[in-house]
Amino acid sequence: MTTILRRWSYQHQWLYDSISWTAALAVGGERRFRQLALDNLTINENSVILDLCCGAGQNTGYLARLSGHCTGLDISPVALSRAQKSLPDVTFVEGLAQAMPFGDGQFDLVHTSVALHEMDTGQLQQIIKEVYRVLKPDGVFTLIDFHQPHNLLFWPGLSLFLWLFETPTAWQLIGTDLVKMLKDAGFDDCRQNLYAGGSLQVIQGFKIDD
């Protein structure tokens, strides 16, 4: 189940931003949170980047400062309208993550932040296959999302957050082996790092050019 707070957080940008800012304190603040999924990756101004499930573009803006070839994809026209207003020089595309309107081998990097927990298992499998398809050889899929805490002190906070703001798919995700899903889809080299007592995971999957 979820509560009315979830709907309010999507209707009111200030509430969503406040929640995000507070949650990011567990890893050292918002700037550090946005950097986590990019750690140890080589990104330059010519890197072709897709911000998958970009929402209103909070992470897209960070990525766009690293590369002049950044695209945001989301299913919500309302969120994309907000993103385009704040980032007029970035390309935003409306579409499903499970059926991306892009050709094969188009991106050097596909990035998604705290979005996959919105999907059920079947959708996750399809999204990961689509990410693999749109990545160039030697491209990288990098994500940050919830994970089952290994530190018991983080369980109450995560449980309360999921109950107030998320749907049952978020609970499914923390019991899902995303690394195995990436490997099953063809990613050869997958690296997982845990943060905030294990309640957040960063996974980087590499599409190795054979």
N, C-alpha and C. Protein backbone atom coordinates (compact mmCIF):
# COMPACT_ATOMS: atom_id res chain seq x y z
N MET A 1 0.84 -1.19 0.00
CA MET A 1 0.00 0.00 0.00
C MET A 1 0.87 1.24 0.00
N THR A 2 0.25 2.37 -0.24
CA THR A 2 0.95 3.64 -0.16
C THR A 2 0.00 4.68 0.41
N THR A 3 0.45 5.88 0.63
CA THR A 3 -0.37 6.91 1.26
C THR A 3 -0.52 8.10 0.33
N ILE A 4 -1.34 9.05 0.77
CA ILE A 4 -1.58 10.25 -0.03
C ILE A 4 -0.31 11.08 -0.19
N LEU A 5 0.66 10.87 0.70
CA LEU A 5 1.92 11.61 0.60
C LEU A 5 2.63 11.33 -0.72
N ARG A 6 2.47 10.11 -1.23
CA ARG A 6 3.08 9.79 -2.52
C ARG A 6 2.52 10.68 -3.62
N ARG A 7 1.19 10.80 -3.67
CA ARG A 7 0.57 11.64 -4.69
C ARG A 7 0.97 13.09 -4.53
N TRP A 8 1.00 13.56 -3.29
CA TRP A 8 1.39 14.94 -3.06
C TRP A 8 2.83 15.20 -3.51
N SER A 9 3.70 14.21 -3.28
CA SER A 9 5.11 14.42 -3.64
C SER A 9 5.29 14.57 -5.15
N TYR A 10 4.40 13.96 -5.94
CA TYR A 10 4.47 14.10 -7.39
C TYR A 10 3.76 15.37 -7.87
N GLN A 11 2.77 15.81 -7.11
CA GLN A 11 2.03 17.01 -7.50
C GLN A 11 2.78 18.29 -7.14
N HIS A 12 3.56 18.24 -6.07
CA HIS A 12 4.23 19.44 -5.55
C HIS A 12 5.74 19.23 -5.58
N GLN A 13 6.40 19.92 -6.48
CA GLN A 13 7.83 19.73 -6.68
C GLN A 13 8.63 20.05 -5.42
N TRP A 14 8.20 21.06 -4.67
CA TRP A 14 8.93 21.43 -3.46
C TRP A 14 8.95 20.29 -2.44
N LEU A 15 7.83 19.52 -2.36
CA LEU A 15 7.77 18.41 -1.43
C LEU A 15 8.69 17.28 -1.89
N TYR A 16 8.65 16.98 -3.20
CA TYR A 16 9.53 15.95 -3.76
C TYR A 16 10.99 16.31 -3.52
N ASP A 17 11.34 17.57 -3.78
CA ASP A 17 12.73 18.01 -3.60
C ASP A 17 13.15 17.93 -2.14
N SER A 18 12.25 18.27 -1.23
CA SER A 18 12.56 18.21 0.20
C SER A 18 12.80 16.78 0.66
N ILE A 19 11.96 15.87 0.17
CA ILE A 19 12.13 14.46 0.51
C ILE A 19 13.47 13.94 -0.01
N SER A 20 13.77 14.29 -1.27
CA SER A 20 15.02 13.83 -1.88
C SER A 20 16.23 14.37 -1.13
N TRP A 21 16.18 15.65 -0.76
CA TRP A 21 17.29 16.28 -0.04
C TRP A 21 17.51 15.60 1.30
N THR A 22 16.41 15.32 2.01
CA THR A 22 16.52 14.68 3.33
C THR A 22 17.08 13.27 3.21
N ALA A 23 16.58 12.50 2.23
CA ALA A 23 17.04 11.13 2.05
C ALA A 23 18.52 11.08 1.68
N ALA A 24 18.98 12.08 0.93
CA ALA A 24 20.37 12.09 0.48
C ALA A 24 21.36 12.34 1.61
N LEU A 25 20.91 12.82 2.74
CA LEU A 25 21.80 13.07 3.87
C LEU A 25 22.49 11.79 4.32
N ALA A 26 21.84 10.65 4.11
CA ALA A 26 22.40 9.37 4.55
C ALA A 26 23.68 9.01 3.83
N VAL A 27 23.93 9.61 2.65
CA VAL A 27 25.15 9.31 1.90
C VAL A 27 26.05 10.54 1.75
N GLY A 28 25.74 11.59 2.51
CA GLY A 28 26.61 12.76 2.48
C GLY A 28 26.06 13.96 1.74
N GLY A 29 24.77 13.95 1.43
CA GLY A 29 24.16 15.10 0.77
C GLY A 29 23.77 14.84 -0.67
N GLU A 30 23.01 15.78 -1.22
CA GLU A 30 22.44 15.59 -2.55
C GLU A 30 23.50 15.49 -3.63
N ARG A 31 24.52 16.33 -3.57
CA ARG A 31 25.56 16.28 -4.60
C ARG A 31 26.27 14.93 -4.60
N ARG A 32 26.58 14.40 -3.43
CA ARG A 32 27.22 13.10 -3.34
C ARG A 32 26.28 12.00 -3.83
N PHE A 33 24.99 12.11 -3.52
CA PHE A 33 24.03 11.12 -3.98
C PHE A 33 24.01 11.05 -5.50
N ARG A 34 24.01 12.21 -6.16
CA ARG A 34 23.94 12.23 -7.63
C ARG A 34 25.24 11.71 -8.26
N GLN A 35 26.34 11.74 -7.53
CA GLN A 35 27.62 11.29 -8.06
C GLN A 35 27.83 9.79 -7.88
N LEU A 36 27.13 9.18 -6.91
CA LEU A 36 27.42 7.79 -6.54
C LEU A 36 27.39 6.84 -7.73
N ALA A 37 26.36 6.95 -8.56
CA ALA A 37 26.23 6.01 -9.68
C ALA A 37 27.27 6.24 -10.77
N LEU A 38 27.96 7.38 -10.70
CA LEU A 38 28.95 7.73 -11.73
C LEU A 38 30.39 7.50 -11.27
N ASP A 39 30.57 7.09 -10.03
CA ASP A 39 31.92 6.88 -9.50
C ASP A 39 32.69 5.90 -10.38
N ASN A 40 33.94 6.25 -10.65
CA ASN A 40 34.88 5.42 -11.41
C ASN A 40 34.51 5.24 -12.88
N LEU A 41 33.59 6.05 -13.38
CA LEU A 41 33.25 6.01 -14.80
C LEU A 41 33.90 7.18 -15.53
N THR A 42 34.31 6.95 -16.76
CA THR A 42 34.91 8.01 -17.57
C THR A 42 33.83 8.65 -18.43
N ILE A 43 33.54 9.91 -18.14
CA ILE A 43 32.52 10.66 -18.88
C ILE A 43 33.14 11.96 -19.35
N ASN A 44 32.96 12.28 -20.63
CA ASN A 44 33.47 13.54 -21.15
C ASN A 44 32.38 14.25 -21.93
N GLU A 45 32.71 15.40 -22.50
CA GLU A 45 31.70 16.23 -23.15
C GLU A 45 31.13 15.58 -24.41
N ASN A 46 31.78 14.53 -24.90
CA ASN A 46 31.29 13.83 -26.10
C ASN A 46 30.54 12.54 -25.77
N SER A 47 30.45 12.19 -24.50
CA SER A 47 29.72 10.97 -24.12
C SER A 47 28.24 11.15 -24.42
N VAL A 48 27.64 10.13 -25.03
CA VAL A 48 26.21 10.18 -25.35
C VAL A 48 25.47 9.48 -24.21
N ILE A 49 24.66 10.26 -23.48
CA ILE A 49 24.08 9.80 -22.22
C ILE A 49 22.55 9.79 -22.31
N LEU A 50 21.95 8.74 -21.75
CA LEU A 50 20.51 8.68 -21.58
C LEU A 50 20.19 8.65 -20.09
N ASP A 51 19.39 9.61 -19.64
CA ASP A 51 18.88 9.59 -18.27
C ASP A 51 17.50 8.94 -18.32
N LEU A 52 17.44 7.69 -17.93
CA LEU A 52 16.25 6.86 -18.07
C LEU A 52 15.30 7.09 -16.90
N CYS A 53 14.02 7.28 -17.21
CA CYS A 53 13.01 7.60 -16.19
C CYS A 53 13.45 8.88 -15.45
N CYS A 54 13.67 9.91 -16.24
CA CYS A 54 14.33 11.13 -15.74
C CYS A 54 13.43 12.01 -14.88
N GLY A 55 12.11 11.80 -14.92
CA GLY A 55 11.23 12.65 -14.13
C GLY A 55 11.35 14.10 -14.53
N ALA A 56 11.41 14.98 -13.54
CA ALA A 56 11.49 16.41 -13.80
C ALA A 56 12.91 16.89 -14.08
N GLY A 57 13.85 15.96 -14.22
CA GLY A 57 15.18 16.32 -14.71
C GLY A 57 16.22 16.68 -13.67
N GLN A 58 15.97 16.33 -12.40
CA GLN A 58 16.95 16.70 -11.37
C GLN A 58 18.32 16.09 -11.66
N ASN A 59 18.35 14.80 -11.98
CA ASN A 59 19.63 14.16 -12.30
C ASN A 59 20.10 14.50 -13.70
N THR A 60 19.16 14.76 -14.61
CA THR A 60 19.52 15.10 -15.98
C THR A 60 20.38 16.36 -16.01
N GLY A 61 20.02 17.33 -15.18
CA GLY A 61 20.80 18.56 -15.12
C GLY A 61 22.23 18.30 -14.70
N TYR A 62 22.42 17.39 -13.75
CA TYR A 62 23.77 17.04 -13.30
C TYR A 62 24.54 16.37 -14.44
N LEU A 63 23.89 15.45 -15.15
CA LEU A 63 24.53 14.76 -16.26
C LEU A 63 24.85 15.71 -17.41
N ALA A 64 23.96 16.65 -17.66
CA ALA A 64 24.15 17.59 -18.76
C ALA A 64 25.34 18.51 -18.54
N ARG A 65 25.75 18.68 -17.28
CA ARG A 65 26.95 19.48 -17.02
C ARG A 65 28.22 18.71 -17.34
N LEU A 66 28.10 17.39 -17.47
CA LEU A 66 29.26 16.55 -17.78
C LEU A 66 29.40 16.30 -19.28
N SER A 67 28.29 16.33 -20.00
CA SER A 67 28.30 16.03 -21.43
C SER A 67 27.30 16.91 -22.17
N GLY A 68 27.64 17.28 -23.38
CA GLY A 68 26.74 18.06 -24.21
C GLY A 68 25.79 17.22 -25.03
N HIS A 69 25.76 15.90 -24.76
CA HIS A 69 24.92 14.98 -25.53
C HIS A 69 24.09 14.14 -24.57
N CYS A 70 23.18 14.79 -23.87
CA CYS A 70 22.38 14.14 -22.85
C CYS A 70 20.90 14.18 -23.23
N THR A 71 20.23 13.04 -23.11
CA THR A 71 18.81 12.92 -23.40
C THR A 71 18.10 12.38 -22.17
N GLY A 72 16.92 12.91 -21.89
CA GLY A 72 16.09 12.40 -20.81
C GLY A 72 14.87 11.70 -21.36
N LEU A 73 14.53 10.54 -20.82
CA LEU A 73 13.35 9.78 -21.22
C LEU A 73 12.44 9.55 -20.03
N ASP A 74 11.14 9.81 -20.21
CA ASP A 74 10.18 9.55 -19.15
C ASP A 74 8.80 9.37 -19.77
N ILE A 75 7.90 8.71 -19.05
CA ILE A 75 6.55 8.47 -19.55
C ILE A 75 5.60 9.61 -19.18
N SER A 76 5.99 10.46 -18.24
CA SER A 76 5.10 11.50 -17.75
C SER A 76 5.28 12.81 -18.50
N PRO A 77 4.28 13.27 -19.25
CA PRO A 77 4.40 14.56 -19.94
C PRO A 77 4.48 15.74 -18.97
N VAL A 78 3.86 15.59 -17.80
CA VAL A 78 3.91 16.67 -16.80
C VAL A 78 5.35 16.84 -16.30
N ALA A 79 5.97 15.72 -15.94
CA ALA A 79 7.36 15.78 -15.47
C ALA A 79 8.28 16.29 -16.56
N LEU A 80 8.09 15.85 -17.79
CA LEU A 80 8.94 16.30 -18.89
C LEU A 80 8.78 17.78 -19.17
N SER A 81 7.57 18.30 -19.00
CA SER A 81 7.36 19.74 -19.18
C SER A 81 8.16 20.54 -18.16
N ARG A 82 8.17 20.07 -16.91
CA ARG A 82 8.96 20.73 -15.87
C ARG A 82 10.45 20.65 -16.22
N ALA A 83 10.87 19.46 -16.68
CA ALA A 83 12.28 19.27 -17.01
C ALA A 83 12.71 20.19 -18.14
N GLN A 84 11.88 20.30 -19.18
CA GLN A 84 12.24 21.12 -20.33
C GLN A 84 12.33 22.59 -19.98
N LYS A 85 11.46 23.05 -19.07
CA LYS A 85 11.50 24.44 -18.64
C LYS A 85 12.78 24.77 -17.89
N SER A 86 13.23 23.82 -17.07
CA SER A 86 14.45 24.08 -16.28
C SER A 86 15.72 23.80 -17.07
N LEU A 87 15.62 22.95 -18.12
CA LEU A 87 16.79 22.58 -18.92
C LEU A 87 16.45 22.71 -20.40
N PRO A 88 16.31 23.93 -20.91
CA PRO A 88 15.85 24.14 -22.28
C PRO A 88 16.79 23.61 -23.35
N ASP A 89 18.06 23.40 -23.01
CA ASP A 89 19.04 22.94 -24.00
C ASP A 89 19.18 21.43 -24.06
N VAL A 90 18.44 20.72 -23.21
CA VAL A 90 18.50 19.27 -23.16
C VAL A 90 17.33 18.68 -23.94
N THR A 91 17.56 17.56 -24.62
CA THR A 91 16.50 16.86 -25.34
C THR A 91 15.75 15.93 -24.40
N PHE A 92 14.43 16.08 -24.36
CA PHE A 92 13.60 15.20 -23.55
C PHE A 92 12.61 14.48 -24.45
N VAL A 93 12.45 13.18 -24.18
CA VAL A 93 11.61 12.32 -25.03
C VAL A 93 10.59 11.61 -24.15
N GLU A 94 9.34 11.62 -24.58
CA GLU A 94 8.29 10.89 -23.87
C GLU A 94 8.24 9.45 -24.39
N GLY A 95 8.31 8.49 -23.49
CA GLY A 95 8.28 7.11 -23.94
C GLY A 95 8.43 6.14 -22.78
N LEU A 96 8.16 4.87 -23.07
CA LEU A 96 8.27 3.81 -22.07
C LEU A 96 9.70 3.29 -21.98
N ALA A 97 10.14 3.04 -20.77
CA ALA A 97 11.46 2.44 -20.58
C ALA A 97 11.49 1.01 -21.12
N GLN A 98 10.32 0.36 -21.17
CA GLN A 98 10.25 -1.02 -21.66
C GLN A 98 10.27 -1.09 -23.18
N ALA A 99 10.07 0.02 -23.86
CA ALA A 99 10.05 0.05 -25.33
C ALA A 99 10.58 1.40 -25.78
N MET A 100 11.87 1.60 -25.64
CA MET A 100 12.46 2.92 -25.89
C MET A 100 12.44 3.29 -27.37
N PRO A 101 12.11 4.53 -27.66
CA PRO A 101 12.06 4.98 -29.06
C PRO A 101 13.43 5.37 -29.60
N PHE A 102 14.41 4.49 -29.41
CA PHE A 102 15.78 4.76 -29.84
C PHE A 102 16.30 3.55 -30.63
N GLY A 103 17.26 3.81 -31.50
CA GLY A 103 17.88 2.74 -32.26
C GLY A 103 18.86 1.95 -31.43
N ASP A 104 19.32 0.84 -31.98
CA ASP A 104 20.31 -0.01 -31.30
C ASP A 104 21.64 0.72 -31.19
N GLY A 105 22.34 0.47 -30.09
CA GLY A 105 23.71 0.96 -29.93
C GLY A 105 23.86 2.45 -30.03
N GLN A 106 22.99 3.19 -29.35
CA GLN A 106 22.98 4.65 -29.50
C GLN A 106 23.71 5.40 -28.39
N PHE A 107 23.81 4.79 -27.19
CA PHE A 107 24.30 5.53 -26.02
C PHE A 107 25.58 4.91 -25.44
N ASP A 108 26.45 5.78 -24.95
CA ASP A 108 27.64 5.33 -24.21
C ASP A 108 27.28 4.99 -22.77
N LEU A 109 26.30 5.69 -22.24
CA LEU A 109 25.93 5.54 -20.83
C LEU A 109 24.41 5.66 -20.69
N VAL A 110 23.82 4.70 -20.01
CA VAL A 110 22.42 4.80 -19.60
C VAL A 110 22.40 4.86 -18.07
N HIS A 111 21.73 5.87 -17.55
CA HIS A 111 21.71 6.14 -16.11
C HIS A 111 20.26 6.18 -15.64
N THR A 112 20.00 5.59 -14.49
CA THR A 112 18.68 5.75 -13.88
C THR A 112 18.83 5.84 -12.37
N SER A 113 18.04 6.70 -11.76
CA SER A 113 18.17 6.99 -10.33
C SER A 113 16.83 6.79 -9.62
N VAL A 114 16.80 5.82 -8.72
CA VAL A 114 15.66 5.55 -7.86
C VAL A 114 14.36 5.52 -8.67
N ALA A 115 14.35 4.70 -9.71
CA ALA A 115 13.18 4.57 -10.58
C ALA A 115 12.77 3.12 -10.79
N LEU A 116 13.72 2.21 -10.78
CA LEU A 116 13.40 0.82 -11.09
C LEU A 116 12.47 0.18 -10.06
N HIS A 117 12.45 0.72 -8.85
CA HIS A 117 11.56 0.15 -7.83
C HIS A 117 10.08 0.39 -8.15
N GLU A 118 9.81 1.21 -9.16
CA GLU A 118 8.43 1.44 -9.59
C GLU A 118 7.92 0.30 -10.48
N MET A 119 8.79 -0.61 -10.88
CA MET A 119 8.46 -1.63 -11.88
C MET A 119 8.30 -3.01 -11.24
N ASP A 120 7.41 -3.82 -11.83
CA ASP A 120 7.32 -5.21 -11.39
C ASP A 120 8.42 -6.02 -12.08
N THR A 121 8.51 -7.30 -11.73
CA THR A 121 9.62 -8.12 -12.21
C THR A 121 9.66 -8.21 -13.72
N GLY A 122 8.51 -8.43 -14.35
CA GLY A 122 8.47 -8.52 -15.81
C GLY A 122 8.91 -7.25 -16.48
N GLN A 123 8.49 -6.11 -15.94
CA GLN A 123 8.90 -4.82 -16.49
C GLN A 123 10.40 -4.61 -16.33
N LEU A 124 10.93 -4.99 -15.17
CA LEU A 124 12.37 -4.85 -14.93
C LEU A 124 13.17 -5.63 -15.97
N GLN A 125 12.75 -6.86 -16.22
CA GLN A 125 13.47 -7.69 -17.18
C GLN A 125 13.44 -7.05 -18.57
N GLN A 126 12.31 -6.52 -18.96
CA GLN A 126 12.20 -5.89 -20.28
C GLN A 126 13.03 -4.62 -20.36
N ILE A 127 13.02 -3.82 -19.29
CA ILE A 127 13.80 -2.57 -19.27
C ILE A 127 15.29 -2.86 -19.40
N ILE A 128 15.76 -3.85 -18.66
CA ILE A 128 17.19 -4.18 -18.71
C ILE A 128 17.58 -4.66 -20.11
N LYS A 129 16.71 -5.45 -20.75
CA LYS A 129 16.97 -5.87 -22.13
C LYS A 129 17.03 -4.67 -23.07
N GLU A 130 16.13 -3.72 -22.86
CA GLU A 130 16.11 -2.52 -23.70
C GLU A 130 17.36 -1.67 -23.48
N VAL A 131 17.79 -1.56 -22.23
CA VAL A 131 19.01 -0.82 -21.94
C VAL A 131 20.19 -1.45 -22.67
N TYR A 132 20.28 -2.77 -22.60
CA TYR A 132 21.37 -3.47 -23.29
C TYR A 132 21.32 -3.19 -24.79
N ARG A 133 20.13 -3.16 -25.35
CA ARG A 133 19.97 -2.93 -26.78
C ARG A 133 20.43 -1.54 -27.20
N VAL A 134 20.07 -0.51 -26.44
CA VAL A 134 20.38 0.86 -26.87
C VAL A 134 21.79 1.29 -26.52
N LEU A 135 22.50 0.48 -25.71
CA LEU A 135 23.89 0.80 -25.38
C LEU A 135 24.83 0.45 -26.53
N LYS A 136 25.84 1.27 -26.73
CA LYS A 136 26.91 0.95 -27.66
C LYS A 136 27.77 -0.18 -27.08
N PRO A 137 28.50 -0.90 -27.91
CA PRO A 137 29.51 -1.83 -27.37
C PRO A 137 30.46 -1.08 -26.43
N ASP A 138 30.76 -1.68 -25.31
CA ASP A 138 31.56 -1.07 -24.24
C ASP A 138 30.81 0.02 -23.50
N GLY A 139 29.48 0.10 -23.71
CA GLY A 139 28.67 1.06 -22.97
C GLY A 139 28.40 0.59 -21.55
N VAL A 140 27.87 1.49 -20.72
CA VAL A 140 27.66 1.22 -19.30
C VAL A 140 26.23 1.56 -18.90
N PHE A 141 25.62 0.66 -18.14
CA PHE A 141 24.34 0.93 -17.49
C PHE A 141 24.63 1.13 -16.01
N THR A 142 24.28 2.30 -15.48
CA THR A 142 24.53 2.57 -14.08
C THR A 142 23.24 2.99 -13.39
N LEU A 143 22.99 2.44 -12.21
CA LEU A 143 21.73 2.69 -11.51
C LEU A 143 21.96 2.82 -10.02
N ILE A 144 21.05 3.55 -9.38
CA ILE A 144 21.01 3.61 -7.93
C ILE A 144 19.57 3.41 -7.50
N ASP A 145 19.37 2.56 -6.50
CA ASP A 145 18.00 2.29 -6.04
C ASP A 145 18.05 1.64 -4.66
N PHE A 146 16.87 1.31 -4.16
CA PHE A 146 16.78 0.72 -2.82
C PHE A 146 17.39 -0.68 -2.78
N HIS A 147 17.75 -1.09 -1.56
CA HIS A 147 18.32 -2.41 -1.33
C HIS A 147 17.99 -2.83 0.09
N GLN A 148 17.97 -4.10 0.33
CA GLN A 148 17.70 -4.60 1.68
C GLN A 148 18.87 -4.28 2.61
N PRO A 149 18.64 -3.50 3.68
CA PRO A 149 19.75 -3.09 4.55
C PRO A 149 20.44 -4.27 5.22
N HIS A 150 21.75 -4.18 5.35
CA HIS A 150 22.47 -5.17 6.15
C HIS A 150 22.70 -4.65 7.56
N ASN A 151 22.50 -3.35 7.76
CA ASN A 151 22.59 -2.74 9.08
C ASN A 151 21.16 -2.55 9.61
N LEU A 152 20.83 -3.22 10.70
CA LEU A 152 19.47 -3.18 11.22
C LEU A 152 19.01 -1.78 11.60
N LEU A 153 19.94 -0.88 11.88
CA LEU A 153 19.57 0.48 12.25
C LEU A 153 18.87 1.21 11.10
N PHE A 154 19.10 0.76 9.87
CA PHE A 154 18.51 1.44 8.71
C PHE A 154 17.16 0.87 8.31
N TRP A 155 16.77 -0.25 8.91
CA TRP A 155 15.48 -0.87 8.55
C TRP A 155 14.27 0.01 8.89
N PRO A 156 14.19 0.60 10.09
CA PRO A 156 13.00 1.41 10.41
C PRO A 156 12.80 2.59 9.45
N GLY A 157 13.89 3.30 9.14
CA GLY A 157 13.78 4.46 8.25
C GLY A 157 13.37 4.07 6.85
N LEU A 158 13.98 2.98 6.33
CA LEU A 158 13.62 2.54 4.98
C LEU A 158 12.18 2.03 4.94
N SER A 159 11.79 1.27 5.94
CA SER A 159 10.43 0.73 5.98
C SER A 159 9.39 1.85 6.03
N LEU A 160 9.64 2.87 6.85
CA LEU A 160 8.71 3.99 6.94
C LEU A 160 8.63 4.73 5.61
N PHE A 161 9.78 4.95 4.98
CA PHE A 161 9.80 5.65 3.70
C PHE A 161 9.01 4.88 2.65
N LEU A 162 9.25 3.59 2.55
CA LEU A 162 8.54 2.78 1.56
C LEU A 162 7.05 2.76 1.83
N TRP A 163 6.66 2.69 3.09
CA TRP A 163 5.24 2.66 3.43
C TRP A 163 4.56 3.98 3.08
N LEU A 164 5.23 5.10 3.35
CA LEU A 164 4.62 6.41 3.12
C LEU A 164 4.59 6.81 1.66
N PHE A 165 5.63 6.45 0.90
CA PHE A 165 5.80 7.05 -0.42
C PHE A 165 5.83 6.05 -1.59
N GLU A 166 5.94 4.77 -1.31
CA GLU A 166 6.16 3.83 -2.41
C GLU A 166 5.05 2.78 -2.52
N THR A 167 5.12 2.00 -3.58
CA THR A 167 4.14 0.96 -3.88
C THR A 167 4.76 -0.41 -3.56
N PRO A 168 3.97 -1.49 -3.62
CA PRO A 168 4.52 -2.83 -3.31
C PRO A 168 5.71 -3.23 -4.17
N THR A 169 5.85 -2.65 -5.35
CA THR A 169 6.98 -3.02 -6.20
C THR A 169 8.32 -2.64 -5.56
N ALA A 170 8.31 -1.62 -4.71
CA ALA A 170 9.55 -1.23 -4.03
C ALA A 170 9.99 -2.33 -3.07
N TRP A 171 9.02 -2.94 -2.39
CA TRP A 171 9.34 -4.07 -1.50
C TRP A 171 9.85 -5.25 -2.31
N GLN A 172 9.28 -5.45 -3.49
CA GLN A 172 9.76 -6.53 -4.36
C GLN A 172 11.21 -6.29 -4.77
N LEU A 173 11.54 -5.04 -5.07
CA LEU A 173 12.88 -4.75 -5.56
C LEU A 173 13.95 -5.08 -4.54
N ILE A 174 13.69 -4.76 -3.27
CA ILE A 174 14.76 -4.98 -2.28
C ILE A 174 15.02 -6.47 -2.06
N GLY A 175 14.12 -7.32 -2.57
CA GLY A 175 14.37 -8.76 -2.53
C GLY A 175 14.78 -9.33 -3.87
N THR A 176 15.08 -8.45 -4.82
CA THR A 176 15.43 -8.88 -6.18
C THR A 176 16.93 -8.80 -6.40
N ASP A 177 17.48 -9.80 -7.05
CA ASP A 177 18.91 -9.81 -7.39
C ASP A 177 19.09 -9.12 -8.74
N LEU A 178 19.30 -7.81 -8.72
CA LEU A 178 19.44 -7.04 -9.95
C LEU A 178 20.71 -7.41 -10.71
N VAL A 179 21.75 -7.74 -10.00
CA VAL A 179 23.00 -8.13 -10.67
C VAL A 179 22.75 -9.36 -11.55
N LYS A 180 22.04 -10.33 -11.02
CA LYS A 180 21.72 -11.53 -11.81
C LYS A 180 20.87 -11.16 -13.03
N MET A 181 19.92 -10.24 -12.84
CA MET A 181 19.08 -9.80 -13.96
C MET A 181 19.93 -9.18 -15.07
N LEU A 182 20.90 -8.36 -14.70
CA LEU A 182 21.77 -7.74 -15.69
C LEU A 182 22.60 -8.80 -16.42
N LYS A 183 23.13 -9.73 -15.67
CA LYS A 183 23.94 -10.79 -16.29
C LYS A 183 23.10 -11.65 -17.22
N ASP A 184 21.87 -11.94 -16.82
CA ASP A 184 20.97 -12.73 -17.66
C ASP A 184 20.65 -12.01 -18.96
N ALA A 185 20.68 -10.67 -18.93
CA ALA A 185 20.37 -9.88 -20.12
C ALA A 185 21.58 -9.70 -21.04
N GLY A 186 22.77 -10.13 -20.57
CA GLY A 186 23.95 -10.06 -21.42
C GLY A 186 25.08 -9.22 -20.90
N PHE A 187 24.88 -8.48 -19.81
CA PHE A 187 25.96 -7.67 -19.26
C PHE A 187 27.04 -8.59 -18.68
N ASP A 188 28.28 -8.36 -19.09
CA ASP A 188 29.38 -9.26 -18.73
C ASP A 188 30.00 -8.92 -17.38
N ASP A 189 30.15 -7.65 -17.12
CA ASP A 189 30.87 -7.20 -15.92
C ASP A 189 29.92 -6.32 -15.12
N CYS A 190 29.52 -6.79 -13.94
CA CYS A 190 28.57 -6.05 -13.11
C CYS A 190 29.20 -5.79 -11.74
N ARG A 191 29.16 -4.55 -11.33
CA ARG A 191 29.77 -4.15 -10.06
C ARG A 191 28.71 -3.52 -9.17
N GLN A 192 28.58 -4.04 -7.95
CA GLN A 192 27.57 -3.55 -7.02
C GLN A 192 28.26 -2.99 -5.78
N ASN A 193 27.83 -1.80 -5.36
CA ASN A 193 28.30 -1.20 -4.11
C ASN A 193 27.09 -0.78 -3.30
N LEU A 194 27.18 -0.99 -1.97
CA LEU A 194 26.08 -0.67 -1.07
C LEU A 194 26.43 0.52 -0.19
N TYR A 195 25.40 1.34 0.10
CA TYR A 195 25.58 2.55 0.89
C TYR A 195 24.44 2.66 1.91
N ALA A 196 24.62 3.57 2.86
CA ALA A 196 23.59 3.85 3.88
C ALA A 196 23.13 2.56 4.55
N GLY A 197 24.10 1.83 5.10
CA GLY A 197 23.77 0.60 5.81
C GLY A 197 23.21 -0.49 4.93
N GLY A 198 23.47 -0.38 3.62
CA GLY A 198 22.96 -1.35 2.67
C GLY A 198 21.60 -1.02 2.11
N SER A 199 21.01 0.12 2.52
CA SER A 199 19.66 0.45 2.06
C SER A 199 19.64 1.07 0.67
N LEU A 200 20.82 1.40 0.13
CA LEU A 200 20.94 1.88 -1.24
C LEU A 200 21.99 1.04 -1.97
N GLN A 201 21.71 0.72 -3.21
CA GLN A 201 22.67 -0.01 -4.03
C GLN A 201 22.98 0.76 -5.30
N VAL A 202 24.24 0.72 -5.69
CA VAL A 202 24.67 1.22 -6.99
C VAL A 202 25.20 0.03 -7.77
N ILE A 203 24.68 -0.15 -8.98
CA ILE A 203 25.15 -1.22 -9.85
C ILE A 203 25.59 -0.61 -11.17
N GLN A 204 26.76 -1.00 -11.61
CA GLN A 204 27.29 -0.60 -12.93
C GLN A 204 27.48 -1.87 -13.75
N GLY A 205 26.75 -1.95 -14.86
CA GLY A 205 26.83 -3.10 -15.74
C GLY A 205 27.47 -2.69 -17.05
N PHE A 206 28.47 -3.46 -17.49
CA PHE A 206 29.23 -3.11 -18.68
C PHE A 206 28.89 -4.06 -19.84
N LYS A 207 28.59 -3.47 -20.97
CA LYS A 207 28.31 -4.24 -22.18
C LYS A 207 29.63 -4.42 -22.92
N ILE A 208 30.25 -5.55 -22.72
CA ILE A 208 31.58 -5.79 -23.27
C ILE A 208 31.50 -6.06 -24.77
N ASP A 209 32.36 -5.39 -25.52
CA ASP A 209 32.43 -5.58 -26.97
C ASP A 209 33.25 -6.83 -27.27
N ASP A 210 32.58 -7.88 -27.77
CA ASP A 210 33.28 -9.11 -28.12
C ASP A 210 33.96 -8.99 -29.48
